[in-house]
């Protein structure tokens, strides 16, 4: 679950752009972007209150951002042999991510001022892919995987529309997100049932990471899994996480 669209600039000096959609159980408690980890001064993120970790974390001073997506775990490890994935984004922005994490499988999008990397962990093998310049989509398999219906259907459209100039750069991408909701099977905004648990799109984050700093904003969906016409305006009104 979850979807990330990332644009790696073709020209040096331009920021990396991220649009991330968080899918989760609407009843699982969480908090929006804030400094929730006193042991990590300056780090901000979206906190999962049940396990205490992060879905998205950013260190503005280091110009680093990381966002976590779940994927299938191929290992035979029992539940008592693994730990929560919520520490992964926090370790990533601190530069302390373990070579073979003691968690279930995940995809991790790591962003710095120079570009973006996707870390894939299936419980057995770690793969790291430095993304080439251009627009990419990541969900629960490899980057730009056309077998993932929403990537196969909408990646070309995200690439076609590109980002807008100025502060509201995310507007063309949000138009694609809105259009995708016409077909639930390929929608970027999700409402899916897995093993009796309903996971829905709850939150949209837009971020820029570049030499000038980090700007990260969020807007929670008014109704989980459904398009919200106020998203663009609420992202524009968000508070950036810039270094002081």
C-alpha atoms as a PDB file:
ATOM      1  CA  UNK A   1       0.000   0.000   0.000  1.00  0.00           C
ATOM      2  CA  UNK A   2       0.867   3.712  -0.248  1.00  0.00           C
ATOM      3  CA  UNK A   3       2.028   5.473  -3.398  1.00  0.00           C
ATOM      4  CA  UNK A   4       4.922   7.831  -4.040  1.00  0.00           C
ATOM      5  CA  UNK A   5       5.510   9.949  -7.137  1.00  0.00           C
ATOM      6  CA  UNK A   6       8.999  11.432  -7.338  1.00  0.00           C
ATOM      7  CA  UNK A   7      10.583  13.703  -9.899  1.00  0.00           C
ATOM      8  CA  UNK A   8      14.376  13.782 -10.099  1.00  0.00           C
ATOM      9  CA  UNK A   9      15.410  16.978 -11.915  1.00  0.00           C
ATOM     10  CA  UNK A  10      17.269  16.853 -15.194  1.00  0.00           C
ATOM     11  CA  UNK A  11      19.014  20.152 -14.444  1.00  0.00           C
ATOM     12  CA  UNK A  12      21.395  20.546 -11.536  1.00  0.00           C
ATOM     13  CA  UNK A  13      20.290  22.973  -8.864  1.00  0.00           C
ATOM     14  CA  UNK A  14      16.601  22.094  -9.171  1.00  0.00           C
ATOM     15  CA  UNK A  15      14.908  20.350  -6.199  1.00  0.00           C
ATOM     16  CA  UNK A  16      13.640  16.798  -6.074  1.00  0.00           C
ATOM     17  CA  UNK A  17       9.833  16.771  -5.869  1.00  0.00           C
ATOM     18  CA  UNK A  18       7.775  14.197  -3.960  1.00  0.00           C
ATOM     19  CA  UNK A  19       4.051  13.508  -3.765  1.00  0.00           C
ATOM     20  CA  UNK A  20       3.308  10.762  -1.224  1.00  0.00           C
ATOM     21  CA  UNK A  21      -0.056   9.186  -0.370  1.00  0.00           C
ATOM     22  CA  UNK A  22      -0.350   7.323   2.935  1.00  0.00           C
ATOM     23  CA  UNK A  23      -2.664   4.301   3.098  1.00  0.00           C
ATOM     24  CA  UNK A  24      -3.539   2.932   6.524  1.00  0.00           C
ATOM     25  CA  UNK A  25      -6.366   1.744   8.783  1.00  0.00           C
ATOM     26  CA  UNK A  26      -8.393   4.871   9.564  1.00  0.00           C
ATOM     27  CA  UNK A  27      -8.714   3.747  13.185  1.00  0.00           C
ATOM     28  CA  UNK A  28      -4.959   3.446  13.785  1.00  0.00           C
ATOM     29  CA  UNK A  29      -3.877   6.597  15.683  1.00  0.00           C
ATOM     30  CA  UNK A  30      -1.315   8.890  14.084  1.00  0.00           C
ATOM     31  CA  UNK A  31      -0.093  12.488  14.132  1.00  0.00           C
ATOM     32  CA  UNK A  32       0.711  14.844  11.286  1.00  0.00           C
ATOM     33  CA  UNK A  33       4.076  16.415  10.562  1.00  0.00           C
ATOM     34  CA  UNK A  34       5.812  17.477  13.748  1.00  0.00           C
ATOM     35  CA  UNK A  35       8.854  17.011  15.969  1.00  0.00           C
ATOM     36  CA  UNK A  36       7.652  13.885  17.772  1.00  0.00           C
ATOM     37  CA  UNK A  37      11.030  12.313  18.605  1.00  0.00           C
ATOM     38  CA  UNK A  38      12.905  14.253  21.324  1.00  0.00           C
ATOM     39  CA  UNK A  39      15.892  11.945  20.931  1.00  0.00           C
ATOM     40  CA  UNK A  40      16.208  13.174  17.319  1.00  0.00           C
ATOM     41  CA  UNK A  41      16.375  16.991  17.562  1.00  0.00           C
ATOM     42  CA  UNK A  42      15.176  18.788  14.455  1.00  0.00           C
ATOM     43  CA  UNK A  43      13.695  15.696  12.801  1.00  0.00           C
ATOM     44  CA  UNK A  44      10.064  16.100  11.752  1.00  0.00           C
ATOM     45  CA  UNK A  45       7.647  13.569  10.415  1.00  0.00           C
ATOM     46  CA  UNK A  46       4.308  11.795  10.335  1.00  0.00           C
ATOM     47  CA  UNK A  47       4.137   9.630  13.473  1.00  0.00           C
ATOM     48  CA  UNK A  48       2.395   6.301  13.965  1.00  0.00           C
ATOM     49  CA  UNK A  49       1.234   6.466  17.575  1.00  0.00           C
ATOM     50  CA  UNK A  50       0.757   2.729  18.027  1.00  0.00           C
ATOM     51  CA  UNK A  51       4.392   1.771  17.351  1.00  0.00           C
ATOM     52  CA  UNK A  52       5.982   5.206  17.829  1.00  0.00           C
ATOM     53  CA  UNK A  53       7.767   5.295  14.490  1.00  0.00           C
ATOM     54  CA  UNK A  54       7.329   7.311  11.324  1.00  0.00           C
ATOM     55  CA  UNK A  55       5.730   6.899   7.915  1.00  0.00           C
ATOM     56  CA  UNK A  56       7.593   9.931   6.584  1.00  0.00           C
ATOM     57  CA  UNK A  57      10.605  11.593   8.219  1.00  0.00           C
ATOM     58  CA  UNK A  58      12.638  14.643   7.267  1.00  0.00           C
ATOM     59  CA  UNK A  59      15.841  16.178   8.605  1.00  0.00           C
ATOM     60  CA  UNK A  60      15.793  19.736   7.232  1.00  0.00           C
ATOM     61  CA  UNK A  61      19.357  20.492   8.302  1.00  0.00           C
ATOM     62  CA  UNK A  62      20.730  17.447   6.487  1.00  0.00           C
ATOM     63  CA  UNK A  63      18.415  18.022   3.476  1.00  0.00           C
ATOM     64  CA  UNK A  64      17.147  14.428   3.754  1.00  0.00           C
ATOM     65  CA  UNK A  65      13.681  12.901   3.553  1.00  0.00           C
ATOM     66  CA  UNK A  66      12.475   9.290   3.686  1.00  0.00           C
ATOM     67  CA  UNK A  67       9.033   7.782   3.176  1.00  0.00           C
ATOM     68  CA  UNK A  68       8.028   4.154   3.831  1.00  0.00           C
ATOM     69  CA  UNK A  69       5.820   1.801   1.808  1.00  0.00           C
ATOM     70  CA  UNK A  70       4.905  -1.757   2.788  1.00  0.00           C
ATOM     71  CA  UNK A  71       5.674  -4.693   0.511  1.00  0.00           C
ATOM     72  CA  UNK A  72       5.436  -8.488   0.717  1.00  0.00           C
ATOM     73  CA  UNK A  73       7.871 -10.208   3.059  1.00  0.00           C
ATOM     74  CA  UNK A  74       9.325 -13.417   1.602  1.00  0.00           C
ATOM     75  CA  UNK A  75      11.108 -14.587   4.735  1.00  0.00           C
ATOM     76  CA  UNK A  76       9.882 -17.310   7.069  1.00  0.00           C
ATOM     77  CA  UNK A  77      10.499 -15.218  10.193  1.00  0.00           C
ATOM     78  CA  UNK A  78       7.937 -15.393  12.990  1.00  0.00           C
ATOM     79  CA  UNK A  79       6.322 -12.216  14.321  1.00  0.00           C
ATOM     80  CA  UNK A  80       8.519 -12.282  17.435  1.00  0.00           C
ATOM     81  CA  UNK A  81      11.616 -12.224  15.205  1.00  0.00           C
ATOM     82  CA  UNK A  82      10.860  -8.860  13.606  1.00  0.00           C
ATOM     83  CA  UNK A  83      10.438  -5.286  14.795  1.00  0.00           C
ATOM     84  CA  UNK A  84       8.244  -2.423  13.615  1.00  0.00           C
ATOM     85  CA  UNK A  85       9.050  -0.807  10.268  1.00  0.00           C
ATOM     86  CA  UNK A  86       8.387   2.640  11.751  1.00  0.00           C
ATOM     87  CA  UNK A  87      12.013   3.130  12.737  1.00  0.00           C
ATOM     88  CA  UNK A  88      13.189   2.794   9.126  1.00  0.00           C
ATOM     89  CA  UNK A  89      12.502   6.391   7.918  1.00  0.00           C
ATOM     90  CA  UNK A  90      14.065   7.797  11.096  1.00  0.00           C
ATOM     91  CA  UNK A  91      17.188   5.681  10.628  1.00  0.00           C
ATOM     92  CA  UNK A  92      17.319   6.657   6.968  1.00  0.00           C
ATOM     93  CA  UNK A  93      17.422  10.414   7.521  1.00  0.00           C
ATOM     94  CA  UNK A  94      20.052   9.844  10.232  1.00  0.00           C
ATOM     95  CA  UNK A  95      22.177   7.751   7.873  1.00  0.00           C
ATOM     96  CA  UNK A  96      22.006   4.700  10.165  1.00  0.00           C
ATOM     97  CA  UNK A  97      19.811   2.291   8.180  1.00  0.00           C
ATOM     98  CA  UNK A  98      20.936  -1.307   8.797  1.00  0.00           C
ATOM     99  CA  UNK A  99      22.207  -3.329   5.782  1.00  0.00           C
ATOM    100  CA  UNK A 100      19.613  -6.056   6.478  1.00  0.00           C
ATOM    101  CA  UNK A 101      16.757  -4.590   8.550  1.00  0.00           C
ATOM    102  CA  UNK A 102      15.087  -6.686  11.259  1.00  0.00           C
ATOM    103  CA  UNK A 103      11.624  -5.804   9.917  1.00  0.00           C
ATOM    104  CA  UNK A 104       9.036  -7.135   7.522  1.00  0.00           C
ATOM    105  CA  UNK A 105       9.448  -6.170   3.887  1.00  0.00           C
ATOM    106  CA  UNK A 106       9.259  -2.576   2.743  1.00  0.00           C
ATOM    107  CA  UNK A 107      10.062  -0.101   0.024  1.00  0.00           C
ATOM    108  CA  UNK A 108      11.775   3.066   1.167  1.00  0.00           C
ATOM    109  CA  UNK A 109      12.137   6.223  -0.910  1.00  0.00           C
ATOM    110  CA  UNK A 110      15.185   8.169   0.255  1.00  0.00           C
ATOM    111  CA  UNK A 111      15.587  11.738  -1.012  1.00  0.00           C
ATOM    112  CA  UNK A 112      18.482  14.148  -0.713  1.00  0.00           C
ATOM    113  CA  UNK A 113      19.392  17.368  -2.480  1.00  0.00           C
ATOM    114  CA  UNK A 114      21.168  15.415  -5.240  1.00  0.00           C
ATOM    115  CA  UNK A 115      18.451  12.875  -6.105  1.00  0.00           C
ATOM    116  CA  UNK A 116      16.478   9.881  -4.869  1.00  0.00           C
ATOM    117  CA  UNK A 117      17.096   6.209  -4.079  1.00  0.00           C
ATOM    118  CA  UNK A 118      14.610   3.355  -3.644  1.00  0.00           C
ATOM    119  CA  UNK A 119      15.544   0.695  -1.082  1.00  0.00           C
ATOM    120  CA  UNK A 120      13.671  -2.591  -1.545  1.00  0.00           C
ATOM    121  CA  UNK A 121      13.702  -5.131   1.309  1.00  0.00           C
ATOM    122  CA  UNK A 122      11.718  -8.362   0.903  1.00  0.00           C
ATOM    123  CA  UNK A 123      12.954  -9.978   4.101  1.00  0.00           C
ATOM    124  CA  UNK A 124      15.694 -11.829   2.229  1.00  0.00           C
ATOM    125  CA  UNK A 125      17.501  -9.396  -0.051  1.00  0.00           C
ATOM    126  CA  UNK A 126      18.110  -5.642  -0.106  1.00  0.00           C
ATOM    127  CA  UNK A 127      18.178  -3.830  -3.460  1.00  0.00           C
ATOM    128  CA  UNK A 128      19.094  -0.176  -3.896  1.00  0.00           C
ATOM    129  CA  UNK A 129      18.170   1.756  -7.035  1.00  0.00           C
ATOM    130  CA  UNK A 130      19.325   5.315  -7.634  1.00  0.00           C
ATOM    131  CA  UNK A 131      16.561   6.851  -9.720  1.00  0.00           C
ATOM    132  CA  UNK A 132      17.498   8.384 -13.057  1.00  0.00           C
ATOM    133  CA  UNK A 133      16.380  11.938 -13.874  1.00  0.00           C
ATOM    134  CA  UNK A 134      12.677  12.035 -14.658  1.00  0.00           C
ATOM    135  CA  UNK A 135       9.381  11.103 -12.996  1.00  0.00           C
ATOM    136  CA  UNK A 136       8.900   7.765 -11.226  1.00  0.00           C
ATOM    137  CA  UNK A 137       6.211   5.933  -9.239  1.00  0.00           C
ATOM    138  CA  UNK A 138       6.736   3.544  -6.354  1.00  0.00           C
ATOM    139  CA  UNK A 139       4.132   1.339  -4.674  1.00  0.00           C
ATOM    140  CA  UNK A 140       4.500  -2.200  -3.288  1.00  0.00           C
ATOM    141  CA  UNK A 141       6.850  -3.664  -5.939  1.00  0.00           C
ATOM    142  CA  UNK A 142       9.838  -2.252  -7.826  1.00  0.00           C
ATOM    143  CA  UNK A 143      10.069   1.350  -9.062  1.00  0.00           C
ATOM    144  CA  UNK A 144       7.938   2.069 -12.146  1.00  0.00           C
ATOM    145  CA  UNK A 145       6.583  -1.506 -12.150  1.00  0.00           C
ATOM    146  CA  UNK A 146       3.914  -1.581 -14.897  1.00  0.00           C
ATOM    147  CA  UNK A 147       2.344  -4.689 -13.344  1.00  0.00           C
ATOM    148  CA  UNK A 148       1.092  -2.488 -10.495  1.00  0.00           C
ATOM    149  CA  UNK A 149      -2.212  -1.253 -11.999  1.00  0.00           C
ATOM    150  CA  UNK A 150      -1.990   2.351 -10.835  1.00  0.00           C
ATOM    151  CA  UNK A 151       1.578   2.645 -12.098  1.00  0.00           C
ATOM    152  CA  UNK A 152       0.816   0.959 -15.405  1.00  0.00           C
ATOM    153  CA  UNK A 153      -2.125   3.303 -15.952  1.00  0.00           C
ATOM    154  CA  UNK A 154      -0.915   6.652 -14.573  1.00  0.00           C
ATOM    155  CA  UNK A 155       2.883   6.905 -14.664  1.00  0.00           C
ATOM    156  CA  UNK A 156       2.895   8.156 -18.245  1.00  0.00           C
ATOM    157  CA  UNK A 157       0.326  10.794 -17.320  1.00  0.00           C
ATOM    158  CA  UNK A 158       2.348  12.040 -14.343  1.00  0.00           C
ATOM    159  CA  UNK A 159       5.308  12.313 -16.699  1.00  0.00           C
ATOM    160  CA  UNK A 160       3.276  14.109 -19.347  1.00  0.00           C
ATOM    161  CA  UNK A 161       1.846  16.816 -17.101  1.00  0.00           C
ATOM    162  CA  UNK A 162       5.040  17.463 -15.142  1.00  0.00           C
ATOM    163  CA  UNK A 163       5.176  19.946 -12.292  1.00  0.00           C
ATOM    164  CA  UNK A 164       4.016  23.551 -12.382  1.00  0.00           C
ATOM    165  CA  UNK A 165       6.331  26.517 -11.785  1.00  0.00           C
ATOM    166  CA  UNK A 166       6.213  28.227  -8.417  1.00  0.00           C
ATOM    167  CA  UNK A 167       4.952  27.278  -4.995  1.00  0.00           C
ATOM    168  CA  UNK A 168       1.985  25.231  -6.212  1.00  0.00           C
ATOM    169  CA  UNK A 169       4.137  22.872  -8.281  1.00  0.00           C
ATOM    170  CA  UNK A 170       2.019  19.875  -7.257  1.00  0.00           C
ATOM    171  CA  UNK A 171      -1.179  21.082  -8.982  1.00  0.00           C
ATOM    172  CA  UNK A 172      -0.763  19.079 -12.249  1.00  0.00           C
ATOM    173  CA  UNK A 173       0.010  15.913 -10.307  1.00  0.00           C
ATOM    174  CA  UNK A 174      -3.066  16.378  -8.138  1.00  0.00           C
ATOM    175  CA  UNK A 175      -5.157  16.637 -11.295  1.00  0.00           C
ATOM    176  CA  UNK A 176      -3.867  13.197 -12.278  1.00  0.00           C
ATOM    177  CA  UNK A 177      -4.683  11.870  -8.798  1.00  0.00           C
ATOM    178  CA  UNK A 178      -8.226  13.234  -9.140  1.00  0.00           C
ATOM    179  CA  UNK A 179      -8.661  11.700 -12.609  1.00  0.00           C
ATOM    180  CA  UNK A 180      -7.438   8.325 -11.353  1.00  0.00           C
ATOM    181  CA  UNK A 181     -10.367   8.012  -8.930  1.00  0.00           C
ATOM    182  CA  UNK A 182     -12.737   7.334 -11.832  1.00  0.00           C
ATOM    183  CA  UNK A 183     -11.458   3.731 -11.827  1.00  0.00           C
ATOM    184  CA  UNK A 184     -11.001   2.264  -8.327  1.00  0.00           C
ATOM    185  CA  UNK A 185      -8.849  -0.559  -9.699  1.00  0.00           C
ATOM    186  CA  UNK A 186      -6.155   1.917 -10.810  1.00  0.00           C
ATOM    187  CA  UNK A 187      -6.839   4.822  -8.473  1.00  0.00           C
ATOM    188  CA  UNK A 188      -3.936   6.451  -6.646  1.00  0.00           C
ATOM    189  CA  UNK A 189      -6.332   7.012  -3.748  1.00  0.00           C
ATOM    190  CA  UNK A 190      -7.143   3.577  -2.355  1.00  0.00           C
ATOM    191  CA  UNK A 191      -9.676   1.675  -0.294  1.00  0.00           C
ATOM    192  CA  UNK A 192      -8.591  -1.977  -0.128  1.00  0.00           C
ATOM    193  CA  UNK A 193      -9.276  -4.888   2.196  1.00  0.00           C
ATOM    194  CA  UNK A 194      -6.377  -7.106   3.274  1.00  0.00           C
ATOM    195  CA  UNK A 195      -6.958 -10.045   5.637  1.00  0.00           C
ATOM    196  CA  UNK A 196     -10.084  -8.406   7.054  1.00  0.00           C
ATOM    197  CA  UNK A 197      -8.400  -5.007   7.522  1.00  0.00           C
ATOM    198  CA  UNK A 198      -9.538  -2.063   5.388  1.00  0.00           C
ATOM    199  CA  UNK A 199      -6.672   0.203   4.347  1.00  0.00           C
ATOM    200  CA  UNK A 200      -7.549   3.617   2.942  1.00  0.00           C
ATOM    201  CA  UNK A 201      -5.711   6.673   1.680  1.00  0.00           C
ATOM    202  CA  UNK A 202      -5.624   9.088   4.616  1.00  0.00           C
ATOM    203  CA  UNK A 203      -2.996  11.720   3.878  1.00  0.00           C
ATOM    204  CA  UNK A 204      -1.224  13.466   0.995  1.00  0.00           C
ATOM    205  CA  UNK A 205       2.226  15.010   1.476  1.00  0.00           C
ATOM    206  CA  UNK A 206       4.075  17.206  -1.010  1.00  0.00           C
ATOM    207  CA  UNK A 207       7.772  17.897  -0.523  1.00  0.00           C
ATOM    208  CA  UNK A 208      10.696  19.578  -2.247  1.00  0.00           C
ATOM    209  CA  UNK A 209      14.261  18.710  -1.288  1.00  0.00           C
ATOM    210  CA  UNK A 210      17.095  20.768  -2.699  1.00  0.00           C
ATOM    211  CA  UNK A 211      20.225  22.738  -1.971  1.00  0.00           C
ATOM    212  CA  UNK A 212      18.109  25.598  -0.605  1.00  0.00           C
ATOM    213  CA  UNK A 213      16.411  23.386   1.964  1.00  0.00           C
ATOM    214  CA  UNK A 214      13.357  21.223   2.503  1.00  0.00           C
ATOM    215  CA  UNK A 215       9.707  22.175   2.134  1.00  0.00           C
ATOM    216  CA  UNK A 216       7.209  19.508   3.262  1.00  0.00           C
ATOM    217  CA  UNK A 217       3.452  19.973   3.527  1.00  0.00           C
ATOM    218  CA  UNK A 218       0.487  17.734   4.288  1.00  0.00           C
ATOM    219  CA  UNK A 219      -3.264  17.567   3.828  1.00  0.00           C
ATOM    220  CA  UNK A 220      -5.443  14.864   5.368  1.00  0.00           C
ATOM    221  CA  UNK A 221      -8.294  13.631   3.185  1.00  0.00           C
ATOM    222  CA  UNK A 222     -11.714  14.760   4.400  1.00  0.00           C
ATOM    223  CA  UNK A 223     -13.030  11.261   3.699  1.00  0.00           C
ATOM    224  CA  UNK A 224     -10.416   8.479   3.551  1.00  0.00           C
ATOM    225  CA  UNK A 225      -9.943   6.997   0.090  1.00  0.00           C
ATOM    226  CA  UNK A 226     -11.893   9.716  -1.711  1.00  0.00           C
ATOM    227  CA  UNK A 227     -10.821  12.740  -3.737  1.00  0.00           C
ATOM    228  CA  UNK A 228     -10.939  16.079  -1.922  1.00  0.00           C
ATOM    229  CA  UNK A 229     -11.273  19.296  -3.949  1.00  0.00           C
ATOM    230  CA  UNK A 230      -9.586  21.289  -1.180  1.00  0.00           C
ATOM    231  CA  UNK A 231      -6.308  19.341  -1.261  1.00  0.00           C
ATOM    232  CA  UNK A 232      -4.360  21.800  -3.426  1.00  0.00           C
ATOM    233  CA  UNK A 233      -5.372  24.811  -1.335  1.00  0.00           C
ATOM    234  CA  UNK A 234      -4.599  23.053   1.933  1.00  0.00           C
ATOM    235  CA  UNK A 235      -1.189  21.941   0.712  1.00  0.00           C
ATOM    236  CA  UNK A 236      -0.452  25.520  -0.337  1.00  0.00           C
ATOM    237  CA  UNK A 237      -1.394  26.726   3.159  1.00  0.00           C
ATOM    238  CA  UNK A 238       0.831  24.122   4.839  1.00  0.00           C
ATOM    239  CA  UNK A 239       3.817  24.966   6.998  1.00  0.00           C
ATOM    240  CA  UNK A 240       7.166  24.237   5.336  1.00  0.00           C
ATOM    241  CA  UNK A 241       9.892  22.458   7.286  1.00  0.00           C
ATOM    242  CA  UNK A 242      12.762  24.775   6.419  1.00  0.00           C
ATOM    243  CA  UNK A 243      16.033  24.948   8.329  1.00  0.00           C
ATOM    244  CA  UNK A 244      16.344  28.052  10.494  1.00  0.00           C
END
